[in-house]
C-alpha atoms as a PDB file:
ATOM      1  CA  UNK A   1     -64.987  -2.375 -62.510  1.00  0.00           C
ATOM      2  CA  UNK A   2     -61.398  -1.563 -63.412  1.00  0.00           C
ATOM      3  CA  UNK A   3     -59.169  -2.979 -66.355  1.00  0.00           C
ATOM      4  CA  UNK A   4     -57.686  -5.180 -63.577  1.00  0.00           C
ATOM      5  CA  UNK A   5     -61.098  -6.310 -62.432  1.00  0.00           C
ATOM      6  CA  UNK A   6     -61.772  -7.162 -66.146  1.00  0.00           C
ATOM      7  CA  UNK A   7     -58.601  -9.102 -66.792  1.00  0.00           C
ATOM      8  CA  UNK A   8     -59.382 -11.118 -63.649  1.00  0.00           C
ATOM      9  CA  UNK A   9     -63.023 -11.891 -64.864  1.00  0.00           C
ATOM     10  CA  UNK A  10     -61.536 -12.965 -67.974  1.00  0.00           C
ATOM     11  CA  UNK A  11     -58.895 -15.279 -66.435  1.00  0.00           C
ATOM     12  CA  UNK A  12     -61.590 -16.907 -64.040  1.00  0.00           C
ATOM     13  CA  UNK A  13     -64.038 -17.566 -66.737  1.00  0.00           C
ATOM     14  CA  UNK A  14     -61.456 -19.390 -69.112  1.00  0.00           C
ATOM     15  CA  UNK A  15     -60.175 -21.421 -65.922  1.00  0.00           C
ATOM     16  CA  UNK A  16     -63.458 -22.789 -65.220  1.00  0.00           C
ATOM     17  CA  UNK A  17     -64.116 -26.277 -66.062  1.00  0.00           C
ATOM     18  CA  UNK A  18     -66.219 -26.579 -69.085  1.00  0.00           C
ATOM     19  CA  UNK A  19     -68.494 -29.428 -67.440  1.00  0.00           C
ATOM     20  CA  UNK A  20     -69.358 -26.756 -64.937  1.00  0.00           C
ATOM     21  CA  UNK A  21     -68.842 -26.830 -60.945  1.00  0.00           C
ATOM     22  CA  UNK A  22     -67.881 -30.140 -59.459  1.00  0.00           C
ATOM     23  CA  UNK A  23     -70.595 -31.718 -57.314  1.00  0.00           C
ATOM     24  CA  UNK A  24     -67.978 -34.233 -55.770  1.00  0.00           C
ATOM     25  CA  UNK A  25     -66.146 -37.376 -57.062  1.00  0.00           C
ATOM     26  CA  UNK A  26     -64.988 -35.540 -60.363  1.00  0.00           C
ATOM     27  CA  UNK A  27     -61.186 -36.293 -61.003  1.00  0.00           C
ATOM     28  CA  UNK A  28     -58.778 -33.486 -60.199  1.00  0.00           C
ATOM     29  CA  UNK A  29     -57.621 -32.178 -63.593  1.00  0.00           C
ATOM     30  CA  UNK A  30     -54.001 -31.855 -62.033  1.00  0.00           C
ATOM     31  CA  UNK A  31     -53.495 -35.086 -60.175  1.00  0.00           C
ATOM     32  CA  UNK A  32     -56.594 -37.265 -60.806  1.00  0.00           C
ATOM     33  CA  UNK A  33     -57.579 -37.498 -57.026  1.00  0.00           C
ATOM     34  CA  UNK A  34     -61.368 -37.059 -56.595  1.00  0.00           C
ATOM     35  CA  UNK A  35     -62.771 -33.468 -55.802  1.00  0.00           C
ATOM     36  CA  UNK A  36     -64.420 -33.457 -52.570  1.00  0.00           C
ATOM     37  CA  UNK A  37     -68.062 -32.324 -52.417  1.00  0.00           C
ATOM     38  CA  UNK A  38     -67.349 -29.832 -49.796  1.00  0.00           C
ATOM     39  CA  UNK A  39     -64.103 -28.434 -51.462  1.00  0.00           C
ATOM     40  CA  UNK A  40     -63.898 -24.700 -51.798  1.00  0.00           C
ATOM     41  CA  UNK A  41     -66.262 -23.481 -54.552  1.00  0.00           C
ATOM     42  CA  UNK A  42     -63.180 -21.913 -56.327  1.00  0.00           C
ATOM     43  CA  UNK A  43     -61.607 -25.093 -56.442  1.00  0.00           C
ATOM     44  CA  UNK A  44     -64.754 -27.093 -57.571  1.00  0.00           C
ATOM     45  CA  UNK A  45     -65.150 -24.644 -60.470  1.00  0.00           C
ATOM     46  CA  UNK A  46     -61.813 -25.630 -61.573  1.00  0.00           C
ATOM     47  CA  UNK A  47     -61.926 -29.037 -60.746  1.00  0.00           C
ATOM     48  CA  UNK A  48     -58.892 -29.141 -58.621  1.00  0.00           C
ATOM     49  CA  UNK A  49     -58.683 -31.067 -55.362  1.00  0.00           C
ATOM     50  CA  UNK A  50     -56.364 -28.850 -53.135  1.00  0.00           C
ATOM     51  CA  UNK A  51     -54.428 -25.529 -52.776  1.00  0.00           C
ATOM     52  CA  UNK A  52     -51.304 -27.396 -54.486  1.00  0.00           C
ATOM     53  CA  UNK A  53     -53.126 -28.583 -57.556  1.00  0.00           C
ATOM     54  CA  UNK A  54     -54.849 -24.995 -57.998  1.00  0.00           C
ATOM     55  CA  UNK A  55     -51.272 -23.480 -57.599  1.00  0.00           C
ATOM     56  CA  UNK A  56     -50.092 -25.838 -60.260  1.00  0.00           C
ATOM     57  CA  UNK A  57     -52.973 -24.967 -62.733  1.00  0.00           C
ATOM     58  CA  UNK A  58     -52.325 -21.334 -62.021  1.00  0.00           C
ATOM     59  CA  UNK A  59     -48.848 -21.606 -63.097  1.00  0.00           C
ATOM     60  CA  UNK A  60     -49.678 -23.502 -65.990  1.00  0.00           C
ATOM     61  CA  UNK A  61     -52.301 -20.792 -67.281  1.00  0.00           C
ATOM     62  CA  UNK A  62     -49.672 -18.066 -66.398  1.00  0.00           C
ATOM     63  CA  UNK A  63     -47.095 -19.911 -68.709  1.00  0.00           C
ATOM     64  CA  UNK A  64     -49.692 -20.100 -71.590  1.00  0.00           C
ATOM     65  CA  UNK A  65     -50.434 -16.222 -71.201  1.00  0.00           C
ATOM     66  CA  UNK A  66     -46.780 -15.173 -71.166  1.00  0.00           C
ATOM     67  CA  UNK A  67     -46.386 -17.530 -74.320  1.00  0.00           C
ATOM     68  CA  UNK A  68     -49.187 -15.964 -76.050  1.00  0.00           C
ATOM     69  CA  UNK A  69     -48.060 -12.336 -75.357  1.00  0.00           C
ATOM     70  CA  UNK A  70     -44.855 -13.149 -76.771  1.00  0.00           C
ATOM     71  CA  UNK A  71     -46.385 -14.261 -79.994  1.00  0.00           C
ATOM     72  CA  UNK A  72     -46.239 -17.873 -79.525  1.00  0.00           C
ATOM     73  CA  UNK A  73     -49.037 -20.416 -80.244  1.00  0.00           C
ATOM     74  CA  UNK A  74     -50.797 -21.193 -76.794  1.00  0.00           C
ATOM     75  CA  UNK A  75     -53.752 -23.726 -76.467  1.00  0.00           C
ATOM     76  CA  UNK A  76     -55.860 -24.091 -73.468  1.00  0.00           C
ATOM     77  CA  UNK A  77     -58.154 -27.234 -73.274  1.00  0.00           C
ATOM     78  CA  UNK A  78     -57.471 -27.683 -76.943  1.00  0.00           C
ATOM     79  CA  UNK A  79     -58.384 -24.414 -78.194  1.00  0.00           C
ATOM     80  CA  UNK A  80     -56.130 -21.515 -78.895  1.00  0.00           C
ATOM     81  CA  UNK A  81     -55.885 -19.224 -76.080  1.00  0.00           C
ATOM     82  CA  UNK A  82     -57.760 -15.850 -76.579  1.00  0.00           C
ATOM     83  CA  UNK A  83     -56.167 -12.770 -75.460  1.00  0.00           C
ATOM     84  CA  UNK A  84     -57.214 -10.691 -72.586  1.00  0.00           C
ATOM     85  CA  UNK A  85     -60.274  -8.316 -73.242  1.00  0.00           C
ATOM     86  CA  UNK A  86     -59.043  -4.783 -74.406  1.00  0.00           C
ATOM     87  CA  UNK A  87     -58.831  -2.076 -71.670  1.00  0.00           C
ATOM     88  CA  UNK A  88     -62.164  -0.004 -71.649  1.00  0.00           C
ATOM     89  CA  UNK A  89     -62.024   3.426 -72.274  1.00  0.00           C
ATOM     90  CA  UNK A  90     -62.355   5.816 -69.107  1.00  0.00           C
ATOM     91  CA  UNK A  91     -66.085   6.812 -68.515  1.00  0.00           C
ATOM     92  CA  UNK A  92     -64.600  10.133 -67.713  1.00  0.00           C
ATOM     93  CA  UNK A  93     -66.722  12.786 -69.875  1.00  0.00           C
ATOM     94  CA  UNK A  94     -65.596  16.216 -68.838  1.00  0.00           C
ATOM     95  CA  UNK A  95     -62.426  18.281 -68.760  1.00  0.00           C
ATOM     96  CA  UNK A  96     -60.760  19.373 -65.696  1.00  0.00           C
ATOM     97  CA  UNK A  97     -63.239  20.023 -62.995  1.00  0.00           C
ATOM     98  CA  UNK A  98     -63.704  20.613 -59.239  1.00  0.00           C
ATOM     99  CA  UNK A  99     -65.367  17.816 -57.471  1.00  0.00           C
ATOM    100  CA  UNK A 100     -67.387  18.853 -54.259  1.00  0.00           C
ATOM    101  CA  UNK A 101     -68.667  16.952 -51.119  1.00  0.00           C
ATOM    102  CA  UNK A 102     -72.386  17.180 -51.380  1.00  0.00           C
ATOM    103  CA  UNK A 103     -75.142  17.088 -48.736  1.00  0.00           C
ATOM    104  CA  UNK A 104     -76.421  13.437 -47.899  1.00  0.00           C
ATOM    105  CA  UNK A 105     -79.921  13.780 -49.418  1.00  0.00           C
ATOM    106  CA  UNK A 106     -81.187  10.248 -48.744  1.00  0.00           C
ATOM    107  CA  UNK A 107     -80.148   7.123 -46.836  1.00  0.00           C
ATOM    108  CA  UNK A 108     -77.420   5.368 -48.864  1.00  0.00           C
ATOM    109  CA  UNK A 109     -76.649   8.185 -51.050  1.00  0.00           C
ATOM    110  CA  UNK A 110     -73.239   9.060 -52.093  1.00  0.00           C
ATOM    111  CA  UNK A 111     -72.437  12.483 -50.551  1.00  0.00           C
ATOM    112  CA  UNK A 112     -69.264  13.057 -52.780  1.00  0.00           C
ATOM    113  CA  UNK A 113     -68.938  13.981 -56.411  1.00  0.00           C
ATOM    114  CA  UNK A 114     -66.762  11.856 -58.788  1.00  0.00           C
ATOM    115  CA  UNK A 115     -66.424  10.885 -62.611  1.00  0.00           C
ATOM    116  CA  UNK A 116     -64.301   8.184 -64.066  1.00  0.00           C
ATOM    117  CA  UNK A 117     -61.675   6.200 -62.640  1.00  0.00           C
ATOM    118  CA  UNK A 118     -59.854   8.875 -60.617  1.00  0.00           C
ATOM    119  CA  UNK A 119     -59.073  12.673 -60.385  1.00  0.00           C
ATOM    120  CA  UNK A 120     -57.114  13.705 -63.379  1.00  0.00           C
ATOM    121  CA  UNK A 121     -54.123  16.153 -63.252  1.00  0.00           C
ATOM    122  CA  UNK A 122     -55.467  19.636 -63.223  1.00  0.00           C
ATOM    123  CA  UNK A 123     -58.504  18.453 -61.210  1.00  0.00           C
ATOM    124  CA  UNK A 124     -59.252  19.344 -57.637  1.00  0.00           C
ATOM    125  CA  UNK A 125     -61.303  17.545 -54.873  1.00  0.00           C
ATOM    126  CA  UNK A 126     -62.971  18.933 -52.115  1.00  0.00           C
ATOM    127  CA  UNK A 127     -63.918  16.674 -49.023  1.00  0.00           C
ATOM    128  CA  UNK A 128     -65.148  18.101 -45.942  1.00  0.00           C
ATOM    129  CA  UNK A 129     -63.804  21.681 -46.567  1.00  0.00           C
ATOM    130  CA  UNK A 130     -60.425  20.436 -47.522  1.00  0.00           C
ATOM    131  CA  UNK A 131     -59.331  20.690 -51.247  1.00  0.00           C
ATOM    132  CA  UNK A 132     -56.587  18.216 -52.889  1.00  0.00           C
ATOM    133  CA  UNK A 133     -55.098  18.958 -56.161  1.00  0.00           C
ATOM    134  CA  UNK A 134     -53.473  16.356 -58.512  1.00  0.00           C
ATOM    135  CA  UNK A 135     -50.248  16.310 -60.768  1.00  0.00           C
ATOM    136  CA  UNK A 136     -48.615  13.719 -63.109  1.00  0.00           C
ATOM    137  CA  UNK A 137     -44.829  13.382 -63.045  1.00  0.00           C
ATOM    138  CA  UNK A 138     -43.453  11.159 -66.018  1.00  0.00           C
ATOM    139  CA  UNK A 139     -40.645   9.102 -65.604  1.00  0.00           C
ATOM    140  CA  UNK A 140     -37.138  10.619 -65.840  1.00  0.00           C
ATOM    141  CA  UNK A 141     -34.878   8.308 -67.952  1.00  0.00           C
ATOM    142  CA  UNK A 142     -31.985   9.681 -66.023  1.00  0.00           C
ATOM    143  CA  UNK A 143     -33.132   8.231 -62.875  1.00  0.00           C
ATOM    144  CA  UNK A 144     -31.587   4.498 -62.343  1.00  0.00           C
ATOM    145  CA  UNK A 145     -34.383   1.980 -62.422  1.00  0.00           C
ATOM    146  CA  UNK A 146     -33.379   0.619 -58.883  1.00  0.00           C
ATOM    147  CA  UNK A 147     -34.318   4.212 -57.281  1.00  0.00           C
ATOM    148  CA  UNK A 148     -37.550   3.932 -55.222  1.00  0.00           C
ATOM    149  CA  UNK A 149     -39.475   6.638 -56.967  1.00  0.00           C
ATOM    150  CA  UNK A 150     -38.565   5.677 -60.490  1.00  0.00           C
ATOM    151  CA  UNK A 151     -41.477   5.500 -62.981  1.00  0.00           C
ATOM    152  CA  UNK A 152     -44.324   7.641 -63.876  1.00  0.00           C
ATOM    153  CA  UNK A 153     -45.830   9.118 -60.572  1.00  0.00           C
ATOM    154  CA  UNK A 154     -49.330  10.345 -59.426  1.00  0.00           C
ATOM    155  CA  UNK A 155     -49.021  13.194 -56.851  1.00  0.00           C
ATOM    156  CA  UNK A 156     -51.877  14.271 -54.369  1.00  0.00           C
ATOM    157  CA  UNK A 157     -51.245  17.617 -53.110  1.00  0.00           C
ATOM    158  CA  UNK A 158     -52.962  19.042 -49.891  1.00  0.00           C
ATOM    159  CA  UNK A 159     -53.595  22.696 -49.248  1.00  0.00           C
ATOM    160  CA  UNK A 160     -50.477  22.778 -46.941  1.00  0.00           C
ATOM    161  CA  UNK A 161     -48.123  21.426 -49.710  1.00  0.00           C
ATOM    162  CA  UNK A 162     -47.945  17.923 -48.299  1.00  0.00           C
ATOM    163  CA  UNK A 163     -47.942  15.159 -51.034  1.00  0.00           C
ATOM    164  CA  UNK A 164     -49.244  11.717 -51.146  1.00  0.00           C
ATOM    165  CA  UNK A 165     -47.347   9.863 -53.851  1.00  0.00           C
ATOM    166  CA  UNK A 166     -48.829   6.925 -55.866  1.00  0.00           C
ATOM    167  CA  UNK A 167     -47.884   5.167 -59.121  1.00  0.00           C
ATOM    168  CA  UNK A 168     -49.275   6.324 -62.189  1.00  0.00           C
ATOM    169  CA  UNK A 169     -49.948   4.765 -65.599  1.00  0.00           C
ATOM    170  CA  UNK A 170     -49.020   6.421 -68.978  1.00  0.00           C
ATOM    171  CA  UNK A 171     -52.339   8.107 -69.018  1.00  0.00           C
ATOM    172  CA  UNK A 172     -51.654   9.825 -65.528  1.00  0.00           C
ATOM    173  CA  UNK A 173     -54.157   7.794 -63.859  1.00  0.00           C
ATOM    174  CA  UNK A 174     -53.532   6.507 -60.245  1.00  0.00           C
ATOM    175  CA  UNK A 175     -52.157   2.842 -59.690  1.00  0.00           C
ATOM    176  CA  UNK A 176     -52.315   1.290 -56.325  1.00  0.00           C
ATOM    177  CA  UNK A 177     -48.716   1.420 -55.667  1.00  0.00           C
ATOM    178  CA  UNK A 178     -48.067   3.767 -52.665  1.00  0.00           C
ATOM    179  CA  UNK A 179     -44.798   5.464 -52.498  1.00  0.00           C
ATOM    180  CA  UNK A 180     -45.445   7.382 -49.305  1.00  0.00           C
ATOM    181  CA  UNK A 181     -46.776  10.714 -48.018  1.00  0.00           C
ATOM    182  CA  UNK A 182     -44.092  13.491 -47.726  1.00  0.00           C
ATOM    183  CA  UNK A 183     -43.868  17.168 -46.166  1.00  0.00           C
ATOM    184  CA  UNK A 184     -43.367  20.101 -48.416  1.00  0.00           C
ATOM    185  CA  UNK A 185     -39.762  19.867 -47.722  1.00  0.00           C
ATOM    186  CA  UNK A 186     -39.539  16.245 -49.054  1.00  0.00           C
ATOM    187  CA  UNK A 187     -39.377  14.572 -45.572  1.00  0.00           C
ATOM    188  CA  UNK A 188     -41.349  11.432 -45.188  1.00  0.00           C
ATOM    189  CA  UNK A 189     -44.513  11.894 -43.189  1.00  0.00           C
ATOM    190  CA  UNK A 190     -46.066   9.299 -40.956  1.00  0.00           C
ATOM    191  CA  UNK A 191     -49.763  10.220 -39.416  1.00  0.00           C
ATOM    192  CA  UNK A 192     -51.277  13.721 -39.129  1.00  0.00           C
ATOM    193  CA  UNK A 193     -50.250  17.131 -40.567  1.00  0.00           C
ATOM    194  CA  UNK A 194     -51.570  20.386 -39.665  1.00  0.00           C
ATOM    195  CA  UNK A 195     -53.485  22.833 -41.680  1.00  0.00           C
ATOM    196  CA  UNK A 196     -53.570  25.940 -39.542  1.00  0.00           C
ATOM    197  CA  UNK A 197     -55.089  24.446 -36.305  1.00  0.00           C
ATOM    198  CA  UNK A 198     -56.813  21.809 -38.174  1.00  0.00           C
ATOM    199  CA  UNK A 199     -54.878  18.249 -38.141  1.00  0.00           C
ATOM    200  CA  UNK A 200     -55.490  16.408 -41.506  1.00  0.00           C
ATOM    201  CA  UNK A 201     -54.745  12.899 -42.759  1.00  0.00           C
ATOM    202  CA  UNK A 202     -54.553  11.290 -46.091  1.00  0.00           C
ATOM    203  CA  UNK A 203     -57.412   8.961 -47.029  1.00  0.00           C
ATOM    204  CA  UNK A 204     -58.168   6.710 -50.126  1.00  0.00           C
ATOM    205  CA  UNK A 205     -61.681   6.428 -51.302  1.00  0.00           C
ATOM    206  CA  UNK A 206     -63.429   4.010 -53.475  1.00  0.00           C
ATOM    207  CA  UNK A 207     -66.648   4.774 -55.226  1.00  0.00           C
ATOM    208  CA  UNK A 208     -68.323   1.854 -57.226  1.00  0.00           C
ATOM    209  CA  UNK A 209     -70.662   3.069 -59.852  1.00  0.00           C
ATOM    210  CA  UNK A 210     -72.031   1.809 -63.210  1.00  0.00           C
ATOM    211  CA  UNK A 211     -72.510   3.707 -66.707  1.00  0.00           C
ATOM    212  CA  UNK A 212     -75.929   3.828 -68.415  1.00  0.00           C
ATOM    213  CA  UNK A 213     -74.806   1.152 -70.900  1.00  0.00           C
ATOM    214  CA  UNK A 214     -74.014  -1.243 -68.118  1.00  0.00           C
ATOM    215  CA  UNK A 215     -69.949  -0.805 -67.791  1.00  0.00           C
ATOM    216  CA  UNK A 216     -68.960  -1.252 -63.931  1.00  0.00           C
ATOM    217  CA  UNK A 217     -66.115   0.814 -62.816  1.00  0.00           C
ATOM    218  CA  UNK A 218     -64.535   2.123 -59.738  1.00  0.00           C
ATOM    219  CA  UNK A 219     -63.309   5.718 -58.700  1.00  0.00           C
ATOM    220  CA  UNK A 220     -60.273   5.719 -56.779  1.00  0.00           C
ATOM    221  CA  UNK A 221     -58.729   8.898 -55.033  1.00  0.00           C
ATOM    222  CA  UNK A 222     -56.225   9.724 -52.432  1.00  0.00           C
ATOM    223  CA  UNK A 223     -57.687  12.951 -50.529  1.00  0.00           C
ATOM    224  CA  UNK A 224     -56.828  15.066 -47.606  1.00  0.00           C
ATOM    225  CA  UNK A 225     -59.343  15.051 -45.001  1.00  0.00           C
ATOM    226  CA  UNK A 226     -59.780  16.370 -41.398  1.00  0.00           C
ATOM    227  CA  UNK A 227     -59.291  13.815 -38.884  1.00  0.00           C
ATOM    228  CA  UNK A 228     -62.352  14.924 -36.889  1.00  0.00           C
ATOM    229  CA  UNK A 229     -64.436  13.999 -39.884  1.00  0.00           C
ATOM    230  CA  UNK A 230     -65.722  10.589 -40.406  1.00  0.00           C
ATOM    231  CA  UNK A 231     -64.491  10.307 -43.910  1.00  0.00           C
ATOM    232  CA  UNK A 232     -66.199   6.897 -45.100  1.00  0.00           C
ATOM    233  CA  UNK A 233     -63.603   5.498 -47.908  1.00  0.00           C
ATOM    234  CA  UNK A 234     -66.005   2.879 -49.577  1.00  0.00           C
ATOM    235  CA  UNK A 235     -69.360   3.751 -51.409  1.00  0.00           C
ATOM    236  CA  UNK A 236     -71.615   2.009 -54.032  1.00  0.00           C
ATOM    237  CA  UNK A 237     -73.902   4.268 -56.139  1.00  0.00           C
ATOM    238  CA  UNK A 238     -77.530   3.512 -56.410  1.00  0.00           C
ATOM    239  CA  UNK A 239     -77.124   2.244 -59.920  1.00  0.00           C
ATOM    240  CA  UNK A 240     -74.294  -0.088 -58.902  1.00  0.00           C
ATOM    241  CA  UNK A 241     -76.110  -1.431 -56.010  1.00  0.00           C
ATOM    242  CA  UNK A 242     -79.188  -2.068 -58.232  1.00  0.00           C
ATOM    243  CA  UNK A 243     -77.035  -4.059 -60.720  1.00  0.00           C
ATOM    244  CA  UNK A 244     -75.266  -5.918 -57.939  1.00  0.00           C
ATOM    245  CA  UNK A 245     -78.455  -7.039 -56.436  1.00  0.00           C
ATOM    246  CA  UNK A 246     -79.696  -7.925 -60.026  1.00  0.00           C
ATOM    247  CA  UNK A 247     -76.513 -10.227 -60.439  1.00  0.00           C
ATOM    248  CA  UNK A 248     -76.962 -11.721 -56.869  1.00  0.00           C
ATOM    249  CA  UNK A 249     -80.471 -12.684 -58.060  1.00  0.00           C
ATOM    250  CA  UNK A 250     -79.400 -14.246 -61.143  1.00  0.00           C
ATOM    251  CA  UNK A 251     -76.497 -16.216 -59.481  1.00  0.00           C
ATOM    252  CA  UNK A 252     -78.830 -17.227 -56.546  1.00  0.00           C
ATOM    253  CA  UNK A 253     -81.737 -18.395 -58.962  1.00  0.00           C
ATOM    254  CA  UNK A 254     -79.275 -20.260 -61.354  1.00  0.00           C
ATOM    255  CA  UNK A 255     -77.557 -21.995 -58.395  1.00  0.00           C
ATOM    256  CA  UNK A 256     -80.840 -22.906 -56.652  1.00  0.00           C
ATOM    257  CA  UNK A 257     -82.147 -24.575 -59.874  1.00  0.00           C
ATOM    258  CA  UNK A 258     -78.841 -26.273 -60.711  1.00  0.00           C
ATOM    259  CA  UNK A 259     -78.775 -27.771 -57.242  1.00  0.00           C
ATOM    260  CA  UNK A 260     -82.255 -29.444 -57.686  1.00  0.00           C
ATOM    261  CA  UNK A 261     -81.151 -31.437 -60.716  1.00  0.00           C
ATOM    262  CA  UNK A 262     -77.323 -31.727 -59.456  1.00  0.00           C
ATOM    263  CA  UNK A 263     -75.906 -30.726 -62.451  1.00  0.00           C
ATOM    264  CA  UNK A 264     -75.869 -27.820 -64.993  1.00  0.00           C
ATOM    265  CA  UNK A 265     -77.669 -28.844 -68.328  1.00  0.00           C
ATOM    266  CA  UNK A 266     -76.734 -27.724 -71.630  1.00  0.00           C
ATOM    267  CA  UNK A 267     -79.127 -24.969 -72.715  1.00  0.00           C
ATOM    268  CA  UNK A 268     -79.766 -23.611 -69.200  1.00  0.00           C
ATOM    269  CA  UNK A 269     -79.615 -19.658 -68.998  1.00  0.00           C
ATOM    270  CA  UNK A 270     -78.663 -17.376 -66.287  1.00  0.00           C
ATOM    271  CA  UNK A 271     -81.187 -14.686 -65.970  1.00  0.00           C
ATOM    272  CA  UNK A 272     -83.170 -12.545 -63.474  1.00  0.00           C
ATOM    273  CA  UNK A 273     -86.393 -13.954 -62.252  1.00  0.00           C
ATOM    274  CA  UNK A 274     -87.660 -10.394 -62.259  1.00  0.00           C
ATOM    275  CA  UNK A 275     -87.404 -10.317 -66.055  1.00  0.00           C
ATOM    276  CA  UNK A 276     -89.873 -13.199 -66.195  1.00  0.00           C
ATOM    277  CA  UNK A 277     -92.122 -11.607 -63.600  1.00  0.00           C
ATOM    278  CA  UNK A 278     -92.175  -8.319 -65.537  1.00  0.00           C
ATOM    279  CA  UNK A 279     -92.746 -10.265 -68.752  1.00  0.00           C
ATOM    280  CA  UNK A 280     -95.922 -11.835 -67.335  1.00  0.00           C
ATOM    281  CA  UNK A 281     -97.244  -8.784 -66.129  1.00  0.00           C
ATOM    282  CA  UNK A 282     -97.133  -9.835 -62.422  1.00  0.00           C
ATOM    283  CA  UNK A 283    -100.011 -12.232 -63.101  1.00  0.00           C
ATOM    284  CA  UNK A 284     -99.989 -15.595 -61.893  1.00  0.00           C
ATOM    285  CA  UNK A 285     -99.767 -17.820 -64.805  1.00  0.00           C
ATOM    286  CA  UNK A 286    -101.285 -20.872 -62.877  1.00  0.00           C
ATOM    287  CA  UNK A 287    -104.414 -19.185 -61.225  1.00  0.00           C
ATOM    288  CA  UNK A 288    -104.661 -16.041 -63.468  1.00  0.00           C
ATOM    289  CA  UNK A 289    -104.812 -13.668 -60.467  1.00  0.00           C
ATOM    290  CA  UNK A 290    -102.470 -10.790 -59.701  1.00  0.00           C
ATOM    291  CA  UNK A 291     -99.456 -11.307 -57.679  1.00  0.00           C
ATOM    292  CA  UNK A 292     -98.463  -8.557 -55.183  1.00  0.00           C
ATOM    293  CA  UNK A 293     -94.864  -7.661 -55.718  1.00  0.00           C
ATOM    294  CA  UNK A 294     -94.667  -5.980 -52.396  1.00  0.00           C
ATOM    295  CA  UNK A 295     -94.919  -9.563 -50.761  1.00  0.00           C
ATOM    296  CA  UNK A 296     -91.812 -11.675 -50.024  1.00  0.00           C
ATOM    297  CA  UNK A 297     -91.096 -14.998 -49.572  1.00  0.00           C
ATOM    298  CA  UNK A 298     -91.887 -17.291 -47.545  1.00  0.00           C
ATOM    299  CA  UNK A 299     -95.398 -15.641 -47.792  1.00  0.00           C
ATOM    300  CA  UNK A 300     -97.588 -17.999 -49.742  1.00  0.00           C
ATOM    301  CA  UNK A 301     -98.848 -15.591 -51.994  1.00  0.00           C
ATOM    302  CA  UNK A 302     -95.309 -14.093 -52.875  1.00  0.00           C
ATOM    303  CA  UNK A 303     -93.887 -14.217 -56.342  1.00  0.00           C
ATOM    304  CA  UNK A 304     -92.136 -17.498 -57.534  1.00  0.00           C
ATOM    305  CA  UNK A 305     -90.555 -19.004 -60.596  1.00  0.00           C
ATOM    306  CA  UNK A 306     -92.514 -21.961 -61.976  1.00  0.00           C
ATOM    307  CA  UNK A 307     -90.837 -24.297 -64.329  1.00  0.00           C
ATOM    308  CA  UNK A 308     -93.553 -25.125 -67.224  1.00  0.00           C
ATOM    309  CA  UNK A 309     -91.726 -28.482 -67.793  1.00  0.00           C
ATOM    310  CA  UNK A 310     -90.274 -29.315 -64.446  1.00  0.00           C
ATOM    311  CA  UNK A 311     -86.659 -30.032 -63.724  1.00  0.00           C
ATOM    312  CA  UNK A 312     -87.139 -33.302 -62.780  1.00  0.00           C
ATOM    313  CA  UNK A 313     -88.958 -34.062 -65.958  1.00  0.00           C
ATOM    314  CA  UNK A 314     -85.942 -32.803 -67.951  1.00  0.00           C
ATOM    315  CA  UNK A 315     -87.025 -29.184 -68.303  1.00  0.00           C
ATOM    316  CA  UNK A 316     -84.306 -26.611 -68.857  1.00  0.00           C
ATOM    317  CA  UNK A 317     -83.833 -23.579 -66.623  1.00  0.00           C
ATOM    318  CA  UNK A 318     -84.797 -21.027 -69.389  1.00  0.00           C
ATOM    319  CA  UNK A 319     -86.756 -17.893 -69.803  1.00  0.00           C
ATOM    320  CA  UNK A 320     -88.974 -19.834 -72.256  1.00  0.00           C
ATOM    321  CA  UNK A 321     -89.645 -22.587 -69.690  1.00  0.00           C
ATOM    322  CA  UNK A 322     -90.464 -20.480 -66.712  1.00  0.00           C
ATOM    323  CA  UNK A 323     -93.343 -18.605 -65.819  1.00  0.00           C
ATOM    324  CA  UNK A 324     -94.545 -16.271 -62.687  1.00  0.00           C
ATOM    325  CA  UNK A 325     -96.710 -18.200 -60.151  1.00  0.00           C
ATOM    326  CA  UNK A 326     -97.854 -17.710 -56.592  1.00  0.00           C
ATOM    327  CA  UNK A 327     -95.654 -19.591 -54.193  1.00  0.00           C
ATOM    328  CA  UNK A 328     -98.610 -21.624 -53.036  1.00  0.00           C
ATOM    329  CA  UNK A 329     -99.787 -22.354 -56.533  1.00  0.00           C
ATOM    330  CA  UNK A 330     -96.292 -23.342 -57.435  1.00  0.00           C
ATOM    331  CA  UNK A 331     -96.209 -25.774 -54.548  1.00  0.00           C
ATOM    332  CA  UNK A 332     -99.730 -27.145 -55.437  1.00  0.00           C
ATOM    333  CA  UNK A 333     -98.723 -27.664 -59.150  1.00  0.00           C
ATOM    334  CA  UNK A 334     -95.704 -29.635 -57.910  1.00  0.00           C
ATOM    335  CA  UNK A 335     -94.071 -31.858 -60.753  1.00  0.00           C
ATOM    336  CA  UNK A 336     -96.946 -31.367 -63.266  1.00  0.00           C
ATOM    337  CA  UNK A 337     -96.860 -29.628 -66.470  1.00  0.00           C
ATOM    338  CA  UNK A 338    -100.455 -28.510 -66.607  1.00  0.00           C
ATOM    339  CA  UNK A 339    -102.317 -25.585 -65.078  1.00  0.00           C
ATOM    340  CA  UNK A 340    -103.928 -25.915 -61.582  1.00  0.00           C
ATOM    341  CA  UNK A 341    -107.744 -27.137 -62.179  1.00  0.00           C
END
């Protein structure tokens, strides 16, 4: 997750309606019209009825964020608007280094070396036999602000001297504003360029990863690659894939159980069912027999999440109110709160 992603997550969390996702019929917070039950889920999260009302809500929020950034008092839904989360530190640990292409060892493994948000000035990145170097050129205050290349620049340099130029932040990191590709003589370049007899092109790669403490981030790098090589641009590390699958399980479990009671009750939690299964030692809490973790739904002996006090009886979707059960045992139990006889 980049700092930009962190900002948008912060923004989305604040703009969600405190009563949870609309199920249909709730009044729009901007015009008062009922929110349709089949409206786009993002609109239902914010309790707005249409794209127009969503735009109005965005403008209202933008105005308040701008006011708060200028030192003014800004409130959102009756509370002081908190500032955006601070930018996270770059997970980069090493100094200047050479990043290489690795041999693909397993299905889904990333064949490239990476570290942090992007290559930094002084780094080199080898992709399929071609090495790209990186430079940071700070803004020249003598250049007029209306000139195209005004501002801090991030420059990727191919072994031929061809350059791919992007915007940079004050730390010398790449930002996704592309000024263009240029020949060593400064002529704007479109398409391929030659390295001896090898035609090259510019590519932009993304590798999503997660640190050991759970911080998600994305490596981004403009790189020169041979045209004949299938340079795949987007990758997920094994750690990021596992974290994404865990979040998907959490979201799916919470949404599924909230739909059963139609609303999200106070006190409900979002958690990974796997946590409960591990806690219960992969033993069915209804029949006391082991649950084979390799068996998948809809097999009747697969793992399922049972609510000790059923949702229909007022129980909450919380860790303490859930237990592991075979799917068949869960179905047999139904809405009862006791164990199977």
